[in-house]
Amino acid sequence: MSWVFAIGLALAAFVAMVLLFRLPRIVWSAVLAALTLGLAGYAFQGHPDEVGAPSAYHPVAPGDGWALVQARKEVLGEDRLSQNSLMLVSDAFMRKGQFANAAAVLGRLVQQDPKNVEGWVGLGNALVEQADGTMTPAALFSFNRATQADPASLAPAFFVGATYLRQGKLIEGRKIWAQAVENSPKNTWWRNELQQRLDRLDELLNRLAAMPEGNTE
């Protein structure tokens, strides 16, 4: 099964280069060769066919819950943070990697306060992590409700795009981030941050597109 994920990610990267950045046909062979080398390295180092071998996606470790909570607060901004005590309880569960418990608490929070944007974003994140990094219908619903609660917030689009990128859905992820940047007020901190991430991604893929045929360095 891990081979399916690895090959899928490689193909997703190639499709993104071709469709999003109009990768010239003349360099297709070079890029495919580079991706093939990457898969060969994965086969050599990862031992994907052995029992107990690591999969292509590694679930978030309990310690990573700290980073996820911090990222949510930073993207939302201090003026959009919830004062509901249930948010503190859910954050404690998130930091321990207990994502199902965090989701249960946040479900109560948004039921009490349907316009709580941080509650909906946090619920979406908890549901994604509970599903091992997969964007489930319930998680997407939560992020959409966050957008409805605060259309000006970048947080829902940021985390939706990030989740798609983690899944190897590069086209969907980049499209969502680009739309978020386009629809956001200029000169805001997180808009500029997201734009920089898009610029770095574009630069990397454009450099690959500019590679002469046969050059895989």
Foldseek 3Di string as FASTA:
>chain_A
DLLVQLVLLLVLVLVCLCPVVVQDPQASVLSVVLSVVVVVVCCVPQVVVDPPTDHPADQDALQCLVVVVVVLDVQQDPVLDDPDVLQVVLSVCSSRVNLVVSLVSLVVVCVVPVLNLSSLLSNLVSVCSVVRLARDPSSLVSLVSSCVSPVQGLRSLQVVLVSCVSSSNNVVSLVSLVVNLVPYDPPDDVSVVSVVVSVVVVVVSVVSSPDGHPDND
